[in-house]
N, C-alpha and C. Protein backbone atom coordinates (compact mmCIF):
# COMPACT_ATOMS: atom_id res chain seq x y z
N MET A 1 0.88 -1.20 0.02
CA MET A 1 -0.07 -0.08 -0.05
C MET A 1 0.87 1.18 0.00
N ASN A 2 0.69 2.13 -0.93
CA ASN A 2 1.49 3.34 -1.02
C ASN A 2 0.54 4.51 -0.63
N GLN A 3 0.90 5.12 0.44
CA GLN A 3 0.01 6.28 0.84
C GLN A 3 0.87 7.60 0.62
N ALA A 4 0.22 8.50 0.06
CA ALA A 4 0.97 9.83 -0.29
C ALA A 4 0.35 10.96 0.52
N ILE A 5 1.12 11.88 0.89
CA ILE A 5 0.68 13.13 1.48
C ILE A 5 1.17 14.30 0.74
N ASP A 6 0.21 15.04 0.21
CA ASP A 6 0.46 16.20 -0.45
C ASP A 6 1.59 16.18 -1.50
N GLY A 7 1.86 15.07 -2.00
CA GLY A 7 2.91 14.86 -3.00
C GLY A 7 4.22 14.94 -2.50
N ALA A 8 4.48 15.30 -1.27
CA ALA A 8 5.82 15.58 -0.64
C ALA A 8 6.56 14.15 -0.29
N PHE A 9 5.77 13.25 0.08
CA PHE A 9 6.32 11.99 0.33
C PHE A 9 5.25 10.80 0.39
N SER A 10 5.58 9.73 0.33
CA SER A 10 4.71 8.48 0.39
C SER A 10 5.18 7.54 1.37
N LEU A 11 4.23 6.68 1.87
CA LEU A 11 4.55 5.74 2.81
C LEU A 11 4.32 4.38 2.26
N ARG A 12 5.24 3.58 2.42
CA ARG A 12 4.98 2.07 1.99
C ARG A 12 5.96 1.21 2.63
N ALA A 13 5.72 -0.14 2.59
CA ALA A 13 6.60 -1.06 3.24
C ALA A 13 7.94 -0.97 2.60
N LEU A 14 8.95 -1.16 3.29
CA LEU A 14 10.37 -1.14 2.92
C LEU A 14 10.72 -2.16 1.85
N ASP A 15 11.30 -1.75 0.72
CA ASP A 15 11.73 -2.68 -0.34
C ASP A 15 13.19 -2.19 -0.73
N ALA A 16 13.73 -3.05 -1.68
CA ALA A 16 15.12 -2.78 -2.19
C ALA A 16 15.29 -1.45 -2.92
N ALA A 17 14.09 -0.91 -3.42
CA ALA A 17 14.10 0.30 -4.16
C ALA A 17 14.34 1.57 -3.27
N HIS A 18 14.20 1.44 -2.07
CA HIS A 18 14.28 2.59 -1.14
C HIS A 18 15.80 2.96 -1.06
N ASP A 19 15.96 4.24 -0.99
CA ASP A 19 17.44 4.81 -0.92
C ASP A 19 17.61 5.14 0.48
N LEU A 20 18.38 4.34 1.26
CA LEU A 20 18.56 4.62 2.66
C LEU A 20 19.94 5.13 2.98
N ARG A 21 20.78 5.42 2.06
CA ARG A 21 22.13 5.70 2.23
C ARG A 21 22.35 7.09 3.01
N ALA A 22 21.49 8.06 2.66
CA ALA A 22 21.72 9.36 3.33
C ALA A 22 20.93 9.59 4.61
N PHE A 23 20.18 8.58 4.92
CA PHE A 23 19.26 8.70 6.18
C PHE A 23 20.21 9.02 7.39
N ASP A 24 19.75 10.09 8.12
CA ASP A 24 20.48 10.39 9.34
C ASP A 24 19.51 11.15 10.40
N CYS A 25 19.22 10.44 11.36
CA CYS A 25 18.28 10.93 12.27
C CYS A 25 18.90 11.84 13.41
N LYS A 26 20.40 11.98 13.35
CA LYS A 26 21.13 12.93 14.11
C LYS A 26 21.23 12.46 15.57
N ARG A 27 20.29 11.90 16.13
CA ARG A 27 20.34 11.64 17.65
C ARG A 27 20.77 10.12 17.97
N ASN A 28 20.69 9.24 16.89
CA ASN A 28 21.00 7.81 17.21
C ASN A 28 21.64 7.12 16.01
N GLU A 29 22.94 7.02 16.04
CA GLU A 29 23.62 6.51 14.96
C GLU A 29 23.23 4.97 14.75
N GLU A 30 23.00 4.24 15.92
CA GLU A 30 22.63 2.88 15.71
C GLU A 30 21.43 2.68 14.97
N MET A 31 20.38 3.72 15.09
CA MET A 31 19.14 3.63 14.42
C MET A 31 19.45 3.81 12.86
N ASP A 32 20.30 4.81 12.56
CA ASP A 32 20.69 4.89 11.15
C ASP A 32 21.37 3.72 10.57
N THR A 33 22.35 3.10 11.25
CA THR A 33 23.00 1.79 10.83
C THR A 33 22.04 0.76 10.75
N TRP A 34 21.05 0.56 11.62
CA TRP A 34 20.15 -0.59 11.49
C TRP A 34 19.31 -0.34 10.28
N LEU A 35 18.82 0.79 9.98
CA LEU A 35 18.07 1.04 8.67
C LEU A 35 18.81 0.63 7.42
N ARG A 36 20.07 1.07 7.34
CA ARG A 36 20.77 0.82 6.19
C ARG A 36 21.28 -0.65 6.07
N LYS A 37 21.62 -1.35 7.16
CA LYS A 37 22.25 -2.59 7.10
C LYS A 37 21.41 -3.80 7.49
N SER A 38 20.34 -3.49 8.25
CA SER A 38 19.57 -4.76 8.84
C SER A 38 18.04 -4.58 8.57
N ALA A 39 17.59 -3.42 8.24
CA ALA A 39 16.08 -3.25 8.11
C ALA A 39 15.50 -4.23 7.11
N LEU A 40 16.01 -4.12 5.93
CA LEU A 40 15.43 -4.97 4.82
C LEU A 40 15.52 -6.52 5.17
N ARG A 41 16.54 -7.00 5.69
CA ARG A 41 16.63 -8.37 6.03
C ARG A 41 15.60 -8.65 7.24
N SER A 42 15.43 -7.74 8.12
CA SER A 42 14.46 -7.96 9.15
C SER A 42 13.04 -7.96 8.63
N HIS A 43 12.83 -7.09 7.75
CA HIS A 43 11.44 -7.07 7.13
C HIS A 43 11.24 -8.35 6.29
N GLU A 44 12.14 -8.70 5.51
CA GLU A 44 11.92 -9.88 4.53
C GLU A 44 11.94 -11.24 5.29
N SER A 45 12.49 -11.23 6.48
CA SER A 45 12.48 -12.48 7.30
C SER A 45 11.33 -12.61 8.37
N ASP A 46 10.38 -11.51 8.16
CA ASP A 46 9.26 -11.45 9.17
C ASP A 46 9.59 -11.33 10.60
N VAL A 47 10.67 -10.71 10.85
CA VAL A 47 11.01 -10.25 12.25
C VAL A 47 10.31 -9.05 12.71
N THR A 48 10.20 -8.04 11.66
CA THR A 48 9.46 -6.88 11.91
C THR A 48 9.02 -6.32 10.65
N ARG A 49 8.00 -5.57 10.58
CA ARG A 49 7.46 -4.85 9.36
C ARG A 49 8.08 -3.41 9.56
N VAL A 50 8.62 -2.95 8.33
CA VAL A 50 9.28 -1.67 8.21
C VAL A 50 8.60 -0.74 7.34
N PHE A 51 8.07 0.34 7.72
CA PHE A 51 7.39 1.18 6.82
C PHE A 51 8.07 2.50 6.64
N VAL A 52 8.28 2.99 5.48
CA VAL A 52 9.21 4.08 5.11
C VAL A 52 8.36 5.16 4.44
N ALA A 53 8.63 6.37 4.94
CA ALA A 53 8.14 7.58 4.30
C ALA A 53 9.28 8.06 3.34
N ALA A 54 9.06 8.13 2.16
CA ALA A 54 10.07 8.55 1.11
C ALA A 54 9.66 9.58 0.19
N ASP A 55 10.63 10.30 -0.35
CA ASP A 55 10.26 11.40 -1.32
C ASP A 55 10.16 10.83 -2.62
N ALA A 56 9.97 11.72 -3.66
CA ALA A 56 9.64 11.27 -5.09
C ALA A 56 10.84 10.46 -5.59
N ASN A 57 11.94 10.67 -5.10
CA ASN A 57 13.25 9.98 -5.54
C ASN A 57 13.42 8.69 -4.69
N ASN A 58 12.61 8.33 -3.90
CA ASN A 58 12.70 7.14 -3.05
C ASN A 58 13.56 7.25 -1.85
N ARG A 59 13.96 8.47 -1.57
CA ARG A 59 14.93 8.68 -0.38
C ARG A 59 14.13 8.61 0.90
N ALA A 60 14.65 7.82 1.86
CA ALA A 60 13.99 7.65 3.09
C ALA A 60 14.05 9.01 3.85
N LEU A 61 12.86 9.40 4.32
CA LEU A 61 12.72 10.55 5.21
C LEU A 61 12.43 10.28 6.58
N GLY A 62 11.85 9.10 6.79
CA GLY A 62 11.37 8.54 8.14
C GLY A 62 10.94 7.19 8.02
N PHE A 63 10.86 6.57 9.07
CA PHE A 63 10.39 5.13 9.14
C PHE A 63 9.93 4.70 10.50
N PHE A 64 9.10 3.70 10.53
CA PHE A 64 8.66 2.98 11.82
C PHE A 64 8.68 1.51 11.59
N THR A 65 8.68 0.78 12.64
CA THR A 65 8.59 -0.67 12.58
C THR A 65 7.48 -1.15 13.45
N LEU A 66 6.79 -2.15 13.10
CA LEU A 66 5.77 -2.82 13.96
C LEU A 66 6.06 -4.37 14.01
N SER A 67 5.96 -4.96 15.21
CA SER A 67 6.09 -6.32 15.26
C SER A 67 5.11 -6.83 16.51
N GLY A 68 4.95 -8.16 16.45
CA GLY A 68 4.22 -8.71 17.57
C GLY A 68 5.03 -8.66 18.94
N TYR A 69 4.31 -8.75 20.00
CA TYR A 69 4.96 -8.54 21.29
C TYR A 69 4.00 -9.16 22.36
N CYS A 70 4.69 -9.57 23.43
CA CYS A 70 3.95 -10.16 24.74
C CYS A 70 4.26 -9.11 25.66
N LEU A 71 3.29 -8.43 26.30
CA LEU A 71 3.44 -7.50 27.36
C LEU A 71 3.25 -8.17 28.68
N GLU A 72 4.27 -8.00 29.63
CA GLU A 72 4.10 -8.60 30.85
C GLU A 72 3.11 -7.70 31.61
N VAL A 73 2.12 -8.39 32.26
CA VAL A 73 1.01 -7.71 32.93
C VAL A 73 1.57 -7.03 34.13
N GLU A 74 2.53 -7.44 34.74
CA GLU A 74 3.05 -6.74 35.93
C GLU A 74 3.81 -5.45 35.69
N VAL A 75 3.97 -5.03 34.47
CA VAL A 75 4.54 -3.77 34.21
C VAL A 75 3.51 -2.63 34.10
N LEU A 76 2.21 -3.12 34.02
CA LEU A 76 1.23 -2.20 33.90
C LEU A 76 0.83 -1.56 35.30
N PRO A 77 0.14 -0.40 35.25
CA PRO A 77 -0.20 0.20 36.44
C PRO A 77 -1.13 -0.83 37.31
N ASN A 78 -1.37 -0.54 38.52
CA ASN A 78 -2.21 -1.57 39.37
C ASN A 78 -3.55 -1.76 38.74
N GLY A 79 -4.30 -0.70 38.38
CA GLY A 79 -5.71 -0.82 37.91
C GLY A 79 -5.74 -1.79 36.68
N ASP A 80 -4.87 -1.46 35.74
CA ASP A 80 -4.88 -2.38 34.52
C ASP A 80 -4.45 -3.82 34.79
N SER A 81 -3.45 -3.94 35.67
CA SER A 81 -2.97 -5.30 35.98
C SER A 81 -3.74 -6.09 36.76
N LYS A 82 -4.42 -5.46 37.69
CA LYS A 82 -5.42 -6.18 38.59
C LYS A 82 -6.54 -6.71 37.79
N LYS A 83 -7.09 -5.78 36.84
CA LYS A 83 -8.15 -6.21 36.00
C LYS A 83 -7.90 -7.45 35.14
N LEU A 84 -6.71 -7.47 34.68
CA LEU A 84 -6.33 -8.46 33.66
C LEU A 84 -6.01 -9.69 34.49
N LEU A 85 -5.36 -9.60 35.67
CA LEU A 85 -4.97 -10.75 36.42
C LEU A 85 -6.29 -11.40 37.18
N SER A 86 -7.30 -10.57 37.35
CA SER A 86 -8.51 -11.17 38.12
C SER A 86 -9.40 -12.02 37.25
N ARG A 87 -9.10 -11.99 35.94
CA ARG A 87 -9.96 -12.74 34.94
C ARG A 87 -9.69 -14.27 35.12
N ARG A 88 -10.68 -15.11 34.94
CA ARG A 88 -10.48 -16.50 35.12
C ARG A 88 -9.37 -17.09 34.34
N ASP A 89 -9.26 -16.54 33.05
CA ASP A 89 -8.20 -17.09 32.09
C ASP A 89 -6.86 -16.22 32.13
N ALA A 90 -6.67 -15.60 33.42
CA ALA A 90 -5.56 -14.70 33.58
C ALA A 90 -4.22 -15.38 33.22
N LYS A 91 -3.44 -14.65 32.54
CA LYS A 91 -2.11 -15.04 32.13
C LYS A 91 -1.19 -13.92 32.61
N SER A 92 0.13 -14.18 32.65
CA SER A 92 1.09 -13.18 33.07
C SER A 92 1.53 -12.21 31.96
N THR A 93 1.10 -12.58 30.79
CA THR A 93 1.37 -11.81 29.59
C THR A 93 0.13 -11.56 28.80
N VAL A 94 0.05 -10.38 28.03
CA VAL A 94 -1.12 -10.18 27.15
C VAL A 94 -0.66 -9.99 25.77
N PRO A 95 -1.35 -10.27 24.78
CA PRO A 95 -0.87 -10.01 23.38
C PRO A 95 -0.76 -8.36 23.21
N ALA A 96 0.32 -8.03 22.55
CA ALA A 96 0.46 -6.73 22.19
C ALA A 96 1.24 -6.43 20.92
N HIS A 97 1.52 -5.22 20.49
CA HIS A 97 2.36 -4.96 19.30
C HIS A 97 3.42 -3.98 19.82
N TYR A 98 4.36 -3.84 19.03
CA TYR A 98 5.65 -3.00 19.42
C TYR A 98 6.04 -2.21 18.31
N ILE A 99 6.13 -0.86 18.54
CA ILE A 99 6.85 -0.08 17.66
C ILE A 99 8.29 -0.12 18.14
N GLY A 100 9.07 -0.89 17.48
CA GLY A 100 10.48 -1.10 17.92
C GLY A 100 11.33 0.05 17.44
N ARG A 101 11.15 0.76 16.48
CA ARG A 101 11.82 1.93 15.88
C ARG A 101 10.95 2.98 15.26
N LEU A 102 11.31 4.14 15.53
CA LEU A 102 10.59 5.21 14.79
C LEU A 102 11.59 6.35 14.73
N ALA A 103 11.85 6.87 13.48
CA ALA A 103 12.77 7.92 13.25
C ALA A 103 12.53 8.71 12.16
N VAL A 104 13.01 10.09 12.26
CA VAL A 104 12.76 10.91 11.17
C VAL A 104 14.13 11.60 10.90
N ASP A 105 14.50 11.68 9.56
CA ASP A 105 15.74 12.31 9.05
C ASP A 105 15.97 13.72 9.60
N LYS A 106 17.09 14.01 10.03
CA LYS A 106 17.35 15.36 10.61
C LYS A 106 16.84 16.52 9.93
N ASN A 107 16.75 16.41 8.38
CA ASN A 107 16.33 17.43 7.67
C ASN A 107 14.83 17.63 7.58
N HIS A 108 14.17 16.76 8.25
CA HIS A 108 12.61 16.67 8.30
C HIS A 108 12.09 16.76 9.73
N GLN A 109 12.97 16.89 10.72
CA GLN A 109 12.47 16.93 12.13
C GLN A 109 11.98 18.27 12.42
N GLY A 110 10.91 18.32 13.26
CA GLY A 110 10.30 19.55 13.73
C GLY A 110 9.08 19.90 12.84
N GLY A 111 8.87 19.10 11.85
CA GLY A 111 7.61 19.36 11.05
C GLY A 111 6.62 18.35 11.33
N ASP A 112 5.72 17.95 10.40
CA ASP A 112 4.63 17.07 10.61
C ASP A 112 4.93 15.56 10.30
N LEU A 113 6.18 15.28 9.92
CA LEU A 113 6.41 13.87 9.50
C LEU A 113 6.41 12.97 10.63
N GLY A 114 6.81 13.34 11.79
CA GLY A 114 6.79 12.45 12.97
C GLY A 114 5.26 12.13 13.28
N LYS A 115 4.47 13.08 13.37
CA LYS A 115 3.02 12.82 13.52
C LYS A 115 2.37 11.93 12.46
N PHE A 116 2.86 12.24 11.22
CA PHE A 116 2.30 11.39 10.09
C PHE A 116 2.80 9.86 10.28
N LEU A 117 4.01 9.61 10.67
CA LEU A 117 4.41 8.34 10.91
C LEU A 117 3.66 7.74 12.10
N MET A 118 3.44 8.47 13.26
CA MET A 118 2.69 7.84 14.31
C MET A 118 1.28 7.61 13.89
N ASP A 119 0.55 8.46 13.10
CA ASP A 119 -0.67 8.20 12.76
C ASP A 119 -0.79 7.00 11.77
N ALA A 120 0.29 6.80 10.93
CA ALA A 120 0.28 5.66 10.02
C ALA A 120 0.54 4.46 10.83
N ALA A 121 1.27 4.45 11.93
CA ALA A 121 1.48 3.31 12.74
C ALA A 121 0.14 2.84 13.33
N PHE A 122 -0.55 3.87 13.80
CA PHE A 122 -1.84 3.62 14.51
C PHE A 122 -2.93 3.04 13.52
N LEU A 123 -2.75 3.54 12.31
CA LEU A 123 -3.60 3.01 11.26
C LEU A 123 -3.26 1.51 10.88
N LYS A 124 -2.13 1.24 10.76
CA LYS A 124 -1.59 -0.09 10.57
C LYS A 124 -1.98 -1.05 11.69
N TYR A 125 -1.76 -0.63 12.93
CA TYR A 125 -2.15 -1.27 14.11
C TYR A 125 -3.67 -1.44 14.11
N ALA A 126 -4.49 -0.60 13.82
CA ALA A 126 -5.95 -0.79 13.60
C ALA A 126 -6.32 -1.74 12.68
N GLN A 127 -5.63 -1.93 11.53
CA GLN A 127 -5.79 -3.04 10.56
C GLN A 127 -5.43 -4.36 11.28
N ILE A 128 -4.32 -4.42 11.93
CA ILE A 128 -4.03 -5.68 12.73
C ILE A 128 -5.13 -6.21 13.60
N LEU A 129 -5.78 -5.15 14.28
CA LEU A 129 -6.79 -5.49 15.30
C LEU A 129 -8.09 -6.08 14.60
N LYS A 130 -8.26 -5.82 13.37
CA LYS A 130 -9.33 -6.46 12.65
C LYS A 130 -9.09 -7.89 12.32
N LEU A 131 -7.70 -8.38 12.44
CA LEU A 131 -7.39 -9.75 12.10
C LEU A 131 -7.15 -10.57 13.30
N THR A 132 -6.65 -9.94 14.41
CA THR A 132 -6.16 -10.68 15.58
C THR A 132 -6.39 -9.80 16.87
N THR A 133 -6.04 -10.32 18.03
CA THR A 133 -6.21 -9.61 19.23
C THR A 133 -4.87 -9.01 19.65
N SER A 134 -5.02 -7.89 20.24
CA SER A 134 -3.73 -7.20 20.70
C SER A 134 -4.29 -6.17 21.78
N SER A 135 -3.85 -6.17 22.95
CA SER A 135 -4.38 -5.31 24.04
C SER A 135 -3.71 -3.98 24.17
N TYR A 136 -2.40 -3.87 23.67
CA TYR A 136 -1.71 -2.67 23.81
C TYR A 136 -0.74 -2.58 22.56
N LEU A 137 -0.37 -1.22 22.35
CA LEU A 137 0.73 -0.89 21.39
C LEU A 137 1.82 -0.36 22.38
N CYS A 138 3.01 -0.83 22.21
CA CYS A 138 4.07 -0.51 23.02
C CYS A 138 5.28 0.05 22.37
N LEU A 139 6.13 0.79 23.04
CA LEU A 139 7.36 1.28 22.57
C LEU A 139 8.34 1.57 23.70
N ASP A 140 9.57 1.86 23.27
CA ASP A 140 10.52 2.27 24.25
C ASP A 140 10.98 3.75 23.90
N ALA A 141 10.73 4.64 24.79
CA ALA A 141 11.36 6.07 24.55
C ALA A 141 12.84 5.97 24.84
N GLN A 142 13.52 6.27 23.83
CA GLN A 142 14.97 6.08 23.87
C GLN A 142 15.81 7.06 24.79
N ASN A 143 15.11 8.24 25.18
CA ASN A 143 15.56 9.09 26.20
C ASN A 143 14.38 9.75 26.88
N PRO A 144 14.65 10.47 28.08
CA PRO A 144 13.58 11.07 28.74
C PRO A 144 12.79 12.11 27.92
N GLY A 145 13.47 12.92 27.00
CA GLY A 145 12.81 13.88 26.08
C GLY A 145 11.77 13.37 25.34
N LEU A 146 12.01 12.11 24.89
CA LEU A 146 10.83 11.48 23.96
C LEU A 146 9.73 10.96 24.70
N VAL A 147 9.76 10.87 26.15
CA VAL A 147 8.62 10.48 26.87
C VAL A 147 7.53 11.48 26.58
N ASP A 148 7.79 12.81 26.72
CA ASP A 148 6.78 13.81 26.59
C ASP A 148 6.28 13.85 25.13
N TYR A 149 7.14 13.63 24.16
CA TYR A 149 6.61 13.50 22.79
C TYR A 149 5.72 12.44 22.60
N TYR A 150 5.86 11.21 23.08
CA TYR A 150 4.91 10.12 23.00
C TYR A 150 3.67 10.32 23.88
N LYS A 151 3.84 11.05 24.94
CA LYS A 151 2.66 11.28 25.71
C LYS A 151 1.55 12.05 24.90
N LYS A 152 2.05 12.86 23.93
CA LYS A 152 1.14 13.72 23.01
C LYS A 152 0.24 12.74 22.37
N PHE A 153 0.69 11.55 22.14
CA PHE A 153 -0.18 10.50 21.36
C PHE A 153 -0.97 9.57 22.26
N GLY A 154 -0.86 9.83 23.63
CA GLY A 154 -1.59 9.02 24.55
C GLY A 154 -0.79 7.93 25.18
N PHE A 155 0.45 7.74 24.82
CA PHE A 155 1.33 6.68 25.46
C PHE A 155 1.60 7.09 26.87
N LYS A 156 1.71 5.99 27.79
CA LYS A 156 2.03 6.29 29.17
C LYS A 156 3.23 5.37 29.59
N PRO A 157 4.10 6.03 30.32
CA PRO A 157 5.24 5.17 30.84
C PRO A 157 4.83 4.13 31.84
N THR A 158 5.40 3.02 31.66
CA THR A 158 5.05 1.95 32.70
C THR A 158 5.61 2.40 34.03
N PRO A 159 5.01 2.03 35.09
CA PRO A 159 5.48 2.23 36.46
C PRO A 159 6.78 1.54 36.75
N LYS A 160 7.10 0.67 35.96
CA LYS A 160 8.30 -0.21 36.20
C LYS A 160 9.66 0.62 36.24
N GLU A 161 10.43 0.44 37.25
CA GLU A 161 11.71 1.21 37.43
C GLU A 161 12.67 0.75 36.29
N VAL A 162 13.37 1.89 35.72
CA VAL A 162 14.44 1.52 34.69
C VAL A 162 15.63 2.11 35.13
N SER A 163 16.79 1.56 34.83
CA SER A 163 18.12 2.10 35.13
C SER A 163 18.38 3.27 34.50
N GLN A 164 19.39 4.12 34.95
CA GLN A 164 19.72 5.40 34.33
C GLN A 164 20.15 5.15 33.02
N GLY A 165 19.62 5.83 32.02
CA GLY A 165 20.16 5.83 30.68
C GLY A 165 19.41 4.66 29.81
N ALA A 166 18.58 3.94 30.44
CA ALA A 166 17.97 2.85 29.73
C ALA A 166 16.74 3.37 29.15
N PRO A 167 16.16 2.79 27.95
CA PRO A 167 15.01 3.23 27.37
C PRO A 167 13.72 3.10 28.35
N ILE A 168 12.87 3.99 28.22
CA ILE A 168 11.56 4.07 29.09
C ILE A 168 10.51 3.42 28.36
N PRO A 169 9.90 2.16 28.89
CA PRO A 169 8.83 1.37 28.21
C PRO A 169 7.62 2.17 28.39
N MET A 170 6.82 2.28 27.34
CA MET A 170 5.61 3.09 27.33
C MET A 170 4.55 2.17 26.62
N TYR A 171 3.25 2.36 26.86
CA TYR A 171 2.23 1.66 26.26
C TYR A 171 0.91 2.39 26.05
N LEU A 172 0.11 1.97 25.23
CA LEU A 172 -1.05 2.57 24.87
C LEU A 172 -2.17 1.63 24.65
N LYS A 173 -3.38 1.70 25.17
CA LYS A 173 -4.45 0.71 25.06
C LYS A 173 -5.03 0.71 23.70
N SER A 174 -5.36 -0.42 23.18
CA SER A 174 -5.96 -0.61 21.89
C SER A 174 -7.13 0.29 21.59
N SER A 175 -7.98 0.44 22.76
CA SER A 175 -9.28 1.16 22.64
C SER A 175 -8.87 2.64 22.37
N ALA A 176 -7.75 3.16 23.01
CA ALA A 176 -7.41 4.49 22.69
C ALA A 176 -7.01 4.73 21.15
N ILE A 177 -6.37 3.76 20.60
CA ILE A 177 -5.91 3.81 19.32
C ILE A 177 -7.14 3.80 18.39
N LYS A 178 -8.09 2.91 18.69
CA LYS A 178 -9.25 2.88 17.89
C LYS A 178 -10.02 4.29 17.96
N THR A 179 -10.11 4.87 18.99
CA THR A 179 -10.56 6.17 19.08
C THR A 179 -9.80 7.21 18.26
N TRP A 180 -8.47 7.11 18.30
CA TRP A 180 -7.63 8.09 17.54
C TRP A 180 -7.87 7.84 16.02
N VAL A 181 -7.97 6.55 15.55
CA VAL A 181 -8.07 6.22 14.10
C VAL A 181 -9.45 6.66 13.69
N ASN A 182 -10.56 6.54 14.53
CA ASN A 182 -11.80 6.91 14.15
C ASN A 182 -11.78 8.46 13.82
N ALA A 183 -11.14 9.26 14.77
CA ALA A 183 -11.01 10.62 14.55
C ALA A 183 -10.22 10.93 13.30
N LEU A 184 -9.25 10.32 13.08
CA LEU A 184 -8.44 10.51 11.80
C LEU A 184 -9.36 10.33 10.61
N ASN A 185 -10.15 9.16 10.59
CA ASN A 185 -11.02 8.90 9.52
C ASN A 185 -12.16 9.95 9.36
N SER A 186 -12.61 10.44 10.56
CA SER A 186 -13.75 11.47 10.52
C SER A 186 -13.21 12.87 10.07
N GLU A 187 -11.97 13.08 10.12
CA GLU A 187 -11.37 14.22 9.72
C GLU A 187 -11.05 14.20 8.17
N GLY A 188 -11.25 12.97 7.63
CA GLY A 188 -10.75 12.72 6.23
C GLY A 188 -9.26 12.79 6.10
N SER A 189 -8.58 12.12 6.87
CA SER A 189 -7.18 12.10 7.09
C SER A 189 -6.54 11.74 5.66
N HIS A 190 -5.35 12.31 5.60
CA HIS A 190 -4.57 12.13 4.18
C HIS A 190 -3.87 10.76 4.20
N LEU A 191 -3.94 10.02 5.34
CA LEU A 191 -3.37 8.68 5.19
C LEU A 191 -4.14 7.58 4.54
């Protein structure tokens, strides 16, 4: 599926035609290296799905990944974890999905591309929910500054303690994403 926004860029699953050589998110060299050297292999071997926003020349401007995930119930706040653990069929994990990576090239940061990528991730996740169950969409904020950014989309940090400098796990309930997607659809979203 190729989705375009104002002719400036399009979103589609990663393939060999994408030009990844110049991608530089400025903040995380490991992210850049992974995109160039490992992303296509991970995508083709079904480890993760990689979606790329590219310009008319197929240059990558931003990307995100989605993969299946099992969320440990004990990392959720007490209200959510107690509700899940009190069910008769309670398990210590619940089905979820994971945005393993999300990055925007340094030349396109500060604009709408990050929001476009998150909206696209929510739409892809909503499609997944039509096919199978998933209770949460999760991600790891790579630094404390990103926590506030992801909170704008409704993500909450888990109450689980993390060591200094470690990524901060965050989650969002599927019901919140369905509401977000319904709002996008009612606005006539460009996605």
